[in-house]
Amino acid sequence: MVAIRAIAEGHFDMMAIAVPTMQAIQTVRTKKTMGEAKRRKKSMGENYGKEQRIYPWLPLTKTQAEQAYNLTTKGAWIGIGLMVVLWLTVRIIGPGFGWWAVD
């Protein structure tokens, strides 16, 4: 209450009060995180640090699934591009050169 009144009256610098508070919060966060990591390591045992699988019965990790997704997406776009080229050839290029007629 006294600190709030002093700040309102302009006797204290706001940064002088805020900086120690932020340092204290960061210290608490660091200690909590370190304890959380140790707890997780103890609960996971030998699986700690290993990549998780999507399903326990499927031998596919999340990174491998992401790589497969990226590969199939790239393949789909290549297929779409080839289909557009084929369509342009059949509808425009072939008839334009007189190779065939499209009705």
PDB file of N, CA and C in Angstrom:
ATOM      1  N   MET A   1       0.826  -1.185   0.000  1.00  0.00           N
ATOM      2  CA  MET A   1       0.000   0.000   0.000  1.00  0.00           C
ATOM      3  C   MET A   1       0.869   1.247   0.000  1.00  0.00           C
ATOM      4  N   VAL A   2       1.923   1.218   0.799  1.00  0.00           N
ATOM      5  CA  VAL A   2       2.828   2.356   0.864  1.00  0.00           C
ATOM      6  C   VAL A   2       3.547   2.524  -0.464  1.00  0.00           C
ATOM      7  N   ALA A   3       3.960   1.394  -1.063  1.00  0.00           N
ATOM      8  CA  ALA A   3       4.666   1.457  -2.343  1.00  0.00           C
ATOM      9  C   ALA A   3       3.762   2.002  -3.439  1.00  0.00           C
ATOM     10  N   ILE A   4       2.491   1.637  -3.419  1.00  0.00           N
ATOM     11  CA  ILE A   4       1.559   2.117  -4.441  1.00  0.00           C
ATOM     12  C   ILE A   4       1.369   3.628  -4.294  1.00  0.00           C
ATOM     13  N   ARG A   5       1.233   4.106  -3.057  1.00  0.00           N
ATOM     14  CA  ARG A   5       1.070   5.533  -2.832  1.00  0.00           C
ATOM     15  C   ARG A   5       2.326   6.287  -3.249  1.00  0.00           C
ATOM     16  N   ALA A   6       3.503   5.719  -2.965  1.00  0.00           N
ATOM     17  CA  ALA A   6       4.761   6.370  -3.326  1.00  0.00           C
ATOM     18  C   ALA A   6       4.923   6.433  -4.838  1.00  0.00           C
ATOM     19  N   ILE A   7       4.519   5.390  -5.522  1.00  0.00           N
ATOM     20  CA  ILE A   7       4.596   5.384  -6.992  1.00  0.00           C
ATOM     21  C   ILE A   7       3.638   6.421  -7.555  1.00  0.00           C
ATOM     22  N   ALA A   8       2.438   6.490  -6.998  1.00  0.00           N
ATOM     23  CA  ALA A   8       1.452   7.450  -7.479  1.00  0.00           C
ATOM     24  C   ALA A   8       1.931   8.886  -7.272  1.00  0.00           C
ATOM     25  N   GLU A   9       2.654   9.113  -6.200  1.00  0.00           N
ATOM     26  CA  GLU A   9       3.164  10.450  -5.927  1.00  0.00           C
ATOM     27  C   GLU A   9       4.457  10.735  -6.685  1.00  0.00           C
ATOM     28  N   GLY A  10       5.027   9.730  -7.316  1.00  0.00           N
ATOM     29  CA  GLY A  10       6.218   9.927  -8.128  1.00  0.00           C
ATOM     30  C   GLY A  10       7.524   9.807  -7.365  1.00  0.00           C
ATOM     31  N   HIS A  11       7.525   9.191  -6.174  1.00  0.00           N
ATOM     32  CA  HIS A  11       8.741   9.065  -5.382  1.00  0.00           C
ATOM     33  C   HIS A  11       9.608   7.882  -5.808  1.00  0.00           C
ATOM     34  N   PHE A  12       9.019   6.857  -6.443  1.00  0.00           N
ATOM     35  CA  PHE A  12       9.768   5.676  -6.848  1.00  0.00           C
ATOM     36  C   PHE A  12       9.854   5.603  -8.362  1.00  0.00           C
ATOM     37  N   ASP A  13      10.942   5.021  -8.834  1.00  0.00           N
ATOM     38  CA  ASP A  13      11.097   4.763 -10.260  1.00  0.00           C
ATOM     39  C   ASP A  13      10.434   3.428 -10.558  1.00  0.00           C
ATOM     40  N   MET A  14       9.606   3.366 -11.585  1.00  0.00           N
ATOM     41  CA  MET A  14       8.891   2.131 -11.925  1.00  0.00           C
ATOM     42  C   MET A  14       9.838   0.988 -12.268  1.00  0.00           C
ATOM     43  N   MET A  15      10.938   1.279 -12.958  1.00  0.00           N
ATOM     44  CA  MET A  15      11.871   0.221 -13.351  1.00  0.00           C
ATOM     45  C   MET A  15      12.596  -0.354 -12.144  1.00  0.00           C
ATOM     46  N   ALA A  16      12.831   0.444 -11.123  1.00  0.00           N
ATOM     47  CA  ALA A  16      13.523  -0.057  -9.942  1.00  0.00           C
ATOM     48  C   ALA A  16      12.685  -1.110  -9.236  1.00  0.00           C
ATOM     49  N   ILE A  17      11.381  -1.012  -9.352  1.00  0.00           N
ATOM     50  CA  ILE A  17      10.498  -1.994  -8.715  1.00  0.00           C
ATOM     51  C   ILE A  17      10.260  -3.175  -9.648  1.00  0.00           C
ATOM     52  N   ALA A  18      10.111  -2.941 -10.929  1.00  0.00           N
ATOM     53  CA  ALA A  18       9.736  -3.994 -11.871  1.00  0.00           C
ATOM     54  C   ALA A  18      10.877  -4.972 -12.142  1.00  0.00           C
ATOM     55  N   VAL A  19      12.123  -4.515 -12.219  1.00  0.00           N
ATOM     56  CA  VAL A  19      13.232  -5.384 -12.597  1.00  0.00           C
ATOM     57  C   VAL A  19      13.471  -6.495 -11.580  1.00  0.00           C
ATOM     58  N   PRO A  20      13.553  -6.220 -10.281  1.00  0.00           N
ATOM     59  CA  PRO A  20      13.742  -7.323  -9.338  1.00  0.00           C
ATOM     60  C   PRO A  20      12.589  -8.316  -9.374  1.00  0.00           C
ATOM     61  N   THR A  21      11.382  -7.830  -9.611  1.00  0.00           N
ATOM     62  CA  THR A  21      10.226  -8.713  -9.676  1.00  0.00           C
ATOM     63  C   THR A  21      10.352  -9.661 -10.867  1.00  0.00           C
ATOM     64  N   MET A  22      10.765  -9.162 -12.023  1.00  0.00           N
ATOM     65  CA  MET A  22      10.930 -10.010 -13.204  1.00  0.00           C
ATOM     66  C   MET A  22      12.053 -11.022 -12.994  1.00  0.00           C
ATOM     67  N   GLN A  23      13.132 -10.600 -12.343  1.00  0.00           N
ATOM     68  CA  GLN A  23      14.229 -11.538 -12.070  1.00  0.00           C
ATOM     69  C   GLN A  23      13.767 -12.646 -11.141  1.00  0.00           C
ATOM     70  N   ALA A  24      12.960 -12.291 -10.162  1.00  0.00           N
ATOM     71  CA  ALA A  24      12.444 -13.302  -9.243  1.00  0.00           C
ATOM     72  C   ALA A  24      11.548 -14.283  -9.971  1.00  0.00           C
ATOM     73  N   ILE A  25      10.722 -13.786 -10.874  1.00  0.00           N
ATOM     74  CA  ILE A  25       9.829 -14.667 -11.646  1.00  0.00           C
ATOM     75  C   ILE A  25      10.646 -15.600 -12.524  1.00  0.00           C
ATOM     76  N   GLN A  26      11.686 -15.099 -13.178  1.00  0.00           N
ATOM     77  CA  GLN A  26      12.516 -15.943 -14.034  1.00  0.00           C
ATOM     78  C   GLN A  26      13.232 -17.011 -13.223  1.00  0.00           C
ATOM     79  N   THR A  27      13.663 -16.683 -12.001  1.00  0.00           N
ATOM     80  CA  THR A  27      14.321 -17.664 -11.145  1.00  0.00           C
ATOM     81  C   THR A  27      13.357 -18.775 -10.782  1.00  0.00           C
ATOM     82  N   VAL A  28      12.132 -18.409 -10.431  1.00  0.00           N
ATOM     83  CA  VAL A  28      11.122 -19.408 -10.082  1.00  0.00           C
ATOM     84  C   VAL A  28      10.811 -20.292 -11.276  1.00  0.00           C
ATOM     85  N   ARG A  29      10.674 -19.700 -12.469  1.00  0.00           N
ATOM     86  CA  ARG A  29      10.398 -20.483 -13.675  1.00  0.00           C
ATOM     87  C   ARG A  29      11.527 -21.457 -13.960  1.00  0.00           C
ATOM     88  N   THR A  30      12.764 -21.014 -13.820  1.00  0.00           N
ATOM     89  CA  THR A  30      13.910 -21.878 -14.095  1.00  0.00           C
ATOM     90  C   THR A  30      13.929 -23.062 -13.146  1.00  0.00           C
ATOM     91  N   LYS A  31      13.703 -22.820 -11.884  1.00  0.00           N
ATOM     92  CA  LYS A  31      13.707 -23.916 -10.913  1.00  0.00           C
ATOM     93  C   LYS A  31      12.579 -24.889 -11.190  1.00  0.00           C
ATOM     94  N   LYS A  32      11.410 -24.392 -11.550  1.00  0.00           N
ATOM     95  CA  LYS A  32      10.280 -25.262 -11.841  1.00  0.00           C
ATOM     96  C   LYS A  32      10.570 -26.118 -13.074  1.00  0.00           C
ATOM     97  N   THR A  33      11.137 -25.516 -14.104  1.00  0.00           N
ATOM     98  CA  THR A  33      11.433 -26.245 -15.335  1.00  0.00           C
ATOM     99  C   THR A  33      12.460 -27.340 -15.070  1.00  0.00           C
ATOM    100  N   MET A  34      13.474 -27.035 -14.316  1.00  0.00           N
ATOM    101  CA  MET A  34      14.496 -28.041 -14.027  1.00  0.00           C
ATOM    102  C   MET A  34      13.885 -29.209 -13.264  1.00  0.00           C
ATOM    103  N   GLY A  35      13.023 -28.919 -12.309  1.00  0.00           N
ATOM    104  CA  GLY A  35      12.371 -29.989 -11.567  1.00  0.00           C
ATOM    105  C   GLY A  35      11.455 -30.802 -12.452  1.00  0.00           C
ATOM    106  N   GLU A  36      10.770 -30.139 -13.375  1.00  0.00           N
ATOM    107  CA  GLU A  36       9.872 -30.830 -14.296  1.00  0.00           C
ATOM    108  C   GLU A  36      10.644 -31.779 -15.200  1.00  0.00           C
ATOM    109  N   ALA A  37      11.804 -31.343 -15.687  1.00  0.00           N
ATOM    110  CA  ALA A  37      12.615 -32.202 -16.554  1.00  0.00           C
ATOM    111  C   ALA A  37      13.102 -33.435 -15.796  1.00  0.00           C
ATOM    112  N   LYS A  38      13.514 -33.240 -14.563  1.00  0.00           N
ATOM    113  CA  LYS A  38      13.969 -34.385 -13.765  1.00  0.00           C
ATOM    114  C   LYS A  38      12.828 -35.347 -13.492  1.00  0.00           C
ATOM    115  N   ARG A  39      11.651 -34.798 -13.189  1.00  0.00           N
ATOM    116  CA  ARG A  39      10.488 -35.656 -12.943  1.00  0.00           C
ATOM    117  C   ARG A  39      10.127 -36.450 -14.186  1.00  0.00           C
ATOM    118  N   ARG A  40      10.153 -35.775 -15.346  1.00  0.00           N
ATOM    119  CA  ARG A  40       9.833 -36.452 -16.597  1.00  0.00           C
ATOM    120  C   ARG A  40      10.860 -37.535 -16.907  1.00  0.00           C
ATOM    121  N   LYS A  41      12.131 -37.247 -16.666  1.00  0.00           N
ATOM    122  CA  LYS A  41      13.185 -38.232 -16.927  1.00  0.00           C
ATOM    123  C   LYS A  41      13.005 -39.449 -16.036  1.00  0.00           C
ATOM    124  N   LYS A  42      12.632 -39.203 -14.783  1.00  0.00           N
ATOM    125  CA  LYS A  42      12.443 -40.315 -13.858  1.00  0.00           C
ATOM    126  C   LYS A  42      11.227 -41.150 -14.247  1.00  0.00           C
ATOM    127  N   SER A  43      10.139 -40.506 -14.681  1.00  0.00           N
ATOM    128  CA  SER A  43       8.921 -41.245 -15.011  1.00  0.00           C
ATOM    129  C   SER A  43       9.037 -41.988 -16.343  1.00  0.00           C
ATOM    130  N   MET A  44       9.803 -41.430 -17.304  1.00  0.00           N
ATOM    131  CA  MET A  44       9.920 -42.070 -18.615  1.00  0.00           C
ATOM    132  C   MET A  44      10.978 -43.166 -18.628  1.00  0.00           C
ATOM    133  N   GLY A  45      11.927 -43.110 -17.740  1.00  0.00           N
ATOM    134  CA  GLY A  45      12.953 -44.148 -17.654  1.00  0.00           C
ATOM    135  C   GLY A  45      13.853 -44.152 -18.869  1.00  0.00           C
ATOM    136  N   GLU A  46      14.011 -45.311 -19.480  1.00  0.00           N
ATOM    137  CA  GLU A  46      14.927 -45.446 -20.621  1.00  0.00           C
ATOM    138  C   GLU A  46      14.389 -44.825 -21.904  1.00  0.00           C
ATOM    139  N   ASN A  47      13.107 -44.484 -21.949  1.00  0.00           N
ATOM    140  CA  ASN A  47      12.531 -43.851 -23.130  1.00  0.00           C
ATOM    141  C   ASN A  47      12.749 -42.338 -23.157  1.00  0.00           C
ATOM    142  N   TYR A  48      13.381 -41.786 -22.115  1.00  0.00           N
ATOM    143  CA  TYR A  48      13.606 -40.344 -22.047  1.00  0.00           C
ATOM    144  C   TYR A  48      14.564 -39.922 -23.154  1.00  0.00           C
ATOM    145  N   GLY A  49      14.190 -38.919 -23.911  1.00  0.00           N
ATOM    146  CA  GLY A  49      15.030 -38.409 -24.990  1.00  0.00           C
ATOM    147  C   GLY A  49      14.781 -39.089 -26.321  1.00  0.00           C
ATOM    148  N   LYS A  50      14.080 -40.208 -26.323  1.00  0.00           N
ATOM    149  CA  LYS A  50      13.750 -40.878 -27.579  1.00  0.00           C
ATOM    150  C   LYS A  50      12.505 -40.233 -28.169  1.00  0.00           C
ATOM    151  N   GLU A  51      12.442 -40.278 -29.477  1.00  0.00           N
ATOM    152  CA  GLU A  51      11.296 -39.672 -30.157  1.00  0.00           C
ATOM    153  C   GLU A  51      10.058 -40.544 -29.968  1.00  0.00           C
ATOM    154  N   GLN A  52       8.926 -39.884 -29.760  1.00  0.00           N
ATOM    155  CA  GLN A  52       7.682 -40.603 -29.535  1.00  0.00           C
ATOM    156  C   GLN A  52       7.111 -41.134 -30.840  1.00  0.00           C
ATOM    157  N   ARG A  53       6.437 -42.265 -30.728  1.00  0.00           N
ATOM    158  CA  ARG A  53       5.740 -42.829 -31.880  1.00  0.00           C
ATOM    159  C   ARG A  53       4.340 -42.248 -31.950  1.00  0.00           C
ATOM    160  N   ILE A  54       3.742 -42.324 -33.135  1.00  0.00           N
ATOM    161  CA  ILE A  54       2.376 -41.832 -33.299  1.00  0.00           C
ATOM    162  C   ILE A  54       1.426 -42.727 -32.501  1.00  0.00           C
ATOM    163  N   TYR A  55       1.542 -44.020 -32.707  1.00  0.00           N
ATOM    164  CA  TYR A  55       0.809 -45.020 -31.931  1.00  0.00           C
ATOM    165  C   TYR A  55       1.823 -46.032 -31.425  1.00  0.00           C
ATOM    166  N   PRO A  56       1.620 -46.590 -30.240  1.00  0.00           N
ATOM    167  CA  PRO A  56       2.600 -47.545 -29.704  1.00  0.00           C
ATOM    168  C   PRO A  56       2.783 -48.783 -30.592  1.00  0.00           C
ATOM    169  N   TRP A  57       1.744 -49.199 -31.276  1.00  0.00           N
ATOM    170  CA  TRP A  57       1.826 -50.394 -32.100  1.00  0.00           C
ATOM    171  C   TRP A  57       2.327 -50.115 -33.514  1.00  0.00           C
ATOM    172  N   LEU A  58       2.508 -48.842 -33.893  1.00  0.00           N
ATOM    173  CA  LEU A  58       2.952 -48.462 -35.232  1.00  0.00           C
ATOM    174  C   LEU A  58       4.402 -47.972 -35.162  1.00  0.00           C
ATOM    175  N   PRO A  59       5.325 -48.658 -35.843  1.00  0.00           N
ATOM    176  CA  PRO A  59       6.737 -48.249 -35.744  1.00  0.00           C
ATOM    177  C   PRO A  59       7.053 -47.024 -36.615  1.00  0.00           C
ATOM    178  N   LEU A  60       6.367 -45.921 -36.352  1.00  0.00           N
ATOM    179  CA  LEU A  60       6.523 -44.704 -37.131  1.00  0.00           C
ATOM    180  C   LEU A  60       6.572 -43.526 -36.160  1.00  0.00           C
ATOM    181  N   THR A  61       7.671 -42.786 -36.199  1.00  0.00           N
ATOM    182  CA  THR A  61       7.803 -41.645 -35.295  1.00  0.00           C
ATOM    183  C   THR A  61       7.117 -40.421 -35.895  1.00  0.00           C
ATOM    184  N   LYS A  62       6.976 -39.395 -35.082  1.00  0.00           N
ATOM    185  CA  LYS A  62       6.308 -38.188 -35.550  1.00  0.00           C
ATOM    186  C   LYS A  62       7.110 -37.504 -36.655  1.00  0.00           C
ATOM    187  N   THR A  63       8.431 -37.529 -36.555  1.00  0.00           N
ATOM    188  CA  THR A  63       9.263 -36.928 -37.595  1.00  0.00           C
ATOM    189  C   THR A  63       9.127 -37.685 -38.910  1.00  0.00           C
ATOM    190  N   GLN A  64       9.110 -39.007 -38.844  1.00  0.00           N
ATOM    191  CA  GLN A  64       8.940 -39.811 -40.056  1.00  0.00           C
ATOM    192  C   GLN A  64       7.573 -39.560 -40.681  1.00  0.00           C
ATOM    193  N   ALA A  65       6.547 -39.415 -39.866  1.00  0.00           N
ATOM    194  CA  ALA A  65       5.212 -39.132 -40.395  1.00  0.00           C
ATOM    195  C   ALA A  65       5.187 -37.769 -41.073  1.00  0.00           C
ATOM    196  N   GLU A  66       5.868 -36.791 -40.491  1.00  0.00           N
ATOM    197  CA  GLU A  66       5.922 -35.463 -41.095  1.00  0.00           C
ATOM    198  C   GLU A  66       6.675 -35.496 -42.422  1.00  0.00           C
ATOM    199  N   GLN A  67       7.753 -36.269 -42.490  1.00  0.00           N
ATOM    200  CA  GLN A  67       8.505 -36.397 -43.742  1.00  0.00           C
ATOM    201  C   GLN A  67       7.661 -37.073 -44.814  1.00  0.00           C
ATOM    202  N   ALA A  68       6.901 -38.101 -44.444  1.00  0.00           N
ATOM    203  CA  ALA A  68       6.030 -38.779 -45.402  1.00  0.00           C
ATOM    204  C   ALA A  68       4.939 -37.826 -45.894  1.00  0.00           C
ATOM    205  N   TYR A  69       4.391 -37.029 -44.995  1.00  0.00           N
ATOM    206  CA  TYR A  69       3.377 -36.051 -45.370  1.00  0.00           C
ATOM    207  C   TYR A  69       3.948 -35.041 -46.367  1.00  0.00           C
ATOM    208  N   ASN A  70       5.147 -34.533 -46.101  1.00  0.00           N
ATOM    209  CA  ASN A  70       5.769 -33.566 -47.012  1.00  0.00           C
ATOM    210  C   ASN A  70       6.051 -34.187 -48.377  1.00  0.00           C
ATOM    211  N   LEU A  71       6.503 -35.437 -48.390  1.00  0.00           N
ATOM    212  CA  LEU A  71       6.785 -36.117 -49.644  1.00  0.00           C
ATOM    213  C   LEU A  71       5.511 -36.316 -50.466  1.00  0.00           C
ATOM    214  N   THR A  72       4.445 -36.781 -49.830  1.00  0.00           N
ATOM    215  CA  THR A  72       3.205 -37.002 -50.575  1.00  0.00           C
ATOM    216  C   THR A  72       2.583 -35.685 -51.041  1.00  0.00           C
ATOM    217  N   THR A  73       2.740 -34.624 -50.255  1.00  0.00           N
ATOM    218  CA  THR A  73       2.231 -33.323 -50.683  1.00  0.00           C
ATOM    219  C   THR A  73       2.983 -32.828 -51.911  1.00  0.00           C
ATOM    220  N   LYS A  74       4.295 -32.973 -51.885  1.00  0.00           N
ATOM    221  CA  LYS A  74       5.106 -32.561 -53.041  1.00  0.00           C
ATOM    222  C   LYS A  74       4.745 -33.403 -54.266  1.00  0.00           C
ATOM    223  N   GLY A  75       4.562 -34.705 -54.082  1.00  0.00           N
ATOM    224  CA  GLY A  75       4.167 -35.574 -55.190  1.00  0.00           C
ATOM    225  C   GLY A  75       2.811 -35.213 -55.763  1.00  0.00           C
ATOM    226  N   ALA A  76       1.876 -34.822 -54.894  1.00  0.00           N
ATOM    227  CA  ALA A  76       0.552 -34.421 -55.369  1.00  0.00           C
ATOM    228  C   ALA A  76       0.637 -33.166 -56.227  1.00  0.00           C
ATOM    229  N   TRP A  77       1.444 -32.197 -55.805  1.00  0.00           N
ATOM    230  CA  TRP A  77       1.586 -30.975 -56.602  1.00  0.00           C
ATOM    231  C   TRP A  77       2.265 -31.252 -57.938  1.00  0.00           C
ATOM    232  N   ILE A  78       3.224 -32.161 -57.955  1.00  0.00           N
ATOM    233  CA  ILE A  78       3.859 -32.537 -59.229  1.00  0.00           C
ATOM    234  C   ILE A  78       2.825 -33.192 -60.143  1.00  0.00           C
ATOM    235  N   GLY A  79       1.984 -34.062 -59.579  1.00  0.00           N
ATOM    236  CA  GLY A  79       0.928 -34.702 -60.365  1.00  0.00           C
ATOM    237  C   GLY A  79      -0.068 -33.699 -60.914  1.00  0.00           C
ATOM    238  N   ILE A  80      -0.427 -32.713 -60.113  1.00  0.00           N
ATOM    239  CA  ILE A  80      -1.349 -31.671 -60.593  1.00  0.00           C
ATOM    240  C   ILE A  80      -0.713 -30.889 -61.738  1.00  0.00           C
ATOM    241  N   GLY A  81       0.562 -30.560 -61.600  1.00  0.00           N
ATOM    242  CA  GLY A  81       1.259 -29.837 -62.666  1.00  0.00           C
ATOM    243  C   GLY A  81       1.327 -30.641 -63.950  1.00  0.00           C
ATOM    244  N   LEU A  82       1.615 -31.942 -63.856  1.00  0.00           N
ATOM    245  CA  LEU A  82       1.664 -32.796 -65.049  1.00  0.00           C
ATOM    246  C   LEU A  82       0.283 -32.910 -65.705  1.00  0.00           C
ATOM    247  N   MET A  83      -0.763 -32.956 -64.885  1.00  0.00           N
ATOM    248  CA  MET A  83      -2.105 -33.036 -65.439  1.00  0.00           C
ATOM    249  C   MET A  83      -2.456 -31.751 -66.200  1.00  0.00           C
ATOM    250  N   VAL A  84      -2.048 -30.603 -65.689  1.00  0.00           N
ATOM    251  CA  VAL A  84      -2.302 -29.336 -66.382  1.00  0.00           C
ATOM    252  C   VAL A  84      -1.555 -29.303 -67.710  1.00  0.00           C
ATOM    253  N   VAL A  85      -0.302 -29.763 -67.721  1.00  0.00           N
ATOM    254  CA  VAL A  85       0.484 -29.802 -68.965  1.00  0.00           C
ATOM    255  C   VAL A  85      -0.174 -30.734 -69.977  1.00  0.00           C
ATOM    256  N   LEU A  86      -0.626 -31.904 -69.535  1.00  0.00           N
ATOM    257  CA  LEU A  86      -1.303 -32.848 -70.422  1.00  0.00           C
ATOM    258  C   LEU A  86      -2.593 -32.236 -70.971  1.00  0.00           C
ATOM    259  N   TRP A  87      -3.374 -31.569 -70.116  1.00  0.00           N
ATOM    260  CA  TRP A  87      -4.615 -30.952 -70.563  1.00  0.00           C
ATOM    261  C   TRP A  87      -4.340 -29.864 -71.604  1.00  0.00           C
ATOM    262  N   LEU A  88      -3.322 -29.024 -71.337  1.00  0.00           N
ATOM    263  CA  LEU A  88      -2.977 -27.984 -72.309  1.00  0.00           C
ATOM    264  C   LEU A  88      -2.523 -28.590 -73.637  1.00  0.00           C
ATOM    265  N   THR A  89      -1.784 -29.687 -73.567  1.00  0.00           N
ATOM    266  CA  THR A  89      -1.321 -30.337 -74.794  1.00  0.00           C
ATOM    267  C   THR A  89      -2.499 -30.880 -75.595  1.00  0.00           C
ATOM    268  N   VAL A  90      -3.418 -31.550 -74.918  1.00  0.00           N
ATOM    269  CA  VAL A  90      -4.555 -32.157 -75.622  1.00  0.00           C
ATOM    270  C   VAL A  90      -5.511 -31.105 -76.157  1.00  0.00           C
ATOM    271  N   ARG A  91      -5.806 -30.073 -75.394  1.00  0.00           N
ATOM    272  CA  ARG A  91      -6.818 -29.096 -75.777  1.00  0.00           C
ATOM    273  C   ARG A  91      -6.297 -27.968 -76.647  1.00  0.00           C
ATOM    274  N   ILE A  92      -5.013 -27.549 -76.464  1.00  0.00           N
ATOM    275  CA  ILE A  92      -4.535 -26.348 -77.153  1.00  0.00           C
ATOM    276  C   ILE A  92      -3.356 -26.630 -78.082  1.00  0.00           C
ATOM    277  N   ILE A  93      -2.320 -27.262 -77.587  1.00  0.00           N
ATOM    278  CA  ILE A  93      -1.087 -27.430 -78.368  1.00  0.00           C
ATOM    279  C   ILE A  93      -1.297 -28.383 -79.545  1.00  0.00           C
ATOM    280  N   GLY A  94      -1.873 -29.566 -79.290  1.00  0.00           N
ATOM    281  CA  GLY A  94      -2.105 -30.542 -80.360  1.00  0.00           C
ATOM    282  C   GLY A  94      -2.953 -30.013 -81.495  1.00  0.00           C
ATOM    283  N   PRO A  95      -4.147 -29.471 -81.175  1.00  0.00           N
ATOM    284  CA  PRO A  95      -4.965 -28.899 -82.257  1.00  0.00           C
ATOM    285  C   PRO A  95      -4.313 -27.693 -82.904  1.00  0.00           C
ATOM    286  N   GLY A  96      -3.533 -26.913 -82.164  1.00  0.00           N
ATOM    287  CA  GLY A  96      -2.876 -25.748 -82.735  1.00  0.00           C
ATOM    288  C   GLY A  96      -1.851 -26.122 -83.787  1.00  0.00           C
ATOM    289  N   PHE A  97      -1.151 -27.221 -83.610  1.00  0.00           N
ATOM    290  CA  PHE A  97      -0.171 -27.690 -84.585  1.00  0.00           C
ATOM    291  C   PHE A  97      -0.796 -28.609 -85.637  1.00  0.00           C
ATOM    292  N   GLY A  98      -2.087 -28.884 -85.509  1.00  0.00           N
ATOM    293  CA  GLY A  98      -2.774 -29.721 -86.478  1.00  0.00           C
ATOM    294  C   GLY A  98      -2.536 -31.206 -86.261  1.00  0.00           C
ATOM    295  N   TRP A  99      -2.087 -31.581 -85.077  1.00  0.00           N
ATOM    296  CA  TRP A  99      -1.831 -32.991 -84.808  1.00  0.00           C
ATOM    297  C   TRP A  99      -3.142 -33.764 -84.715  1.00  0.00           C
ATOM    298  N   TRP A 100      -4.195 -33.160 -84.189  1.00  0.00           N
ATOM    299  CA  TRP A 100      -5.513 -33.769 -84.069  1.00  0.00           C
ATOM    300  C   TRP A 100      -6.538 -32.664 -83.909  1.00  0.00           C
ATOM    301  N   ALA A 101      -7.772 -33.041 -84.034  1.00  0.00           N
ATOM    302  CA  ALA A 101      -8.871 -32.089 -83.905  1.00  0.00           C
ATOM    303  C   ALA A 101      -9.677 -32.409 -82.640  1.00  0.00           C
ATOM    304  N   VAL A 102     -10.072 -31.367 -81.938  1.00  0.00           N
ATOM    305  CA  VAL A 102     -10.909 -31.543 -80.743  1.00  0.00           C
ATOM    306  C   VAL A 102     -12.254 -30.927 -81.025  1.00  0.00           C
ATOM    307  N   ASP A 103     -13.299 -31.707 -80.878  1.00  0.00           N
ATOM    308  CA  ASP A 103     -14.654 -31.195 -81.156  1.00  0.00           C
ATOM    309  C   ASP A 103     -15.321 -30.686 -79.911  1.00  0.00           C
TER     310      ASP A 103
END
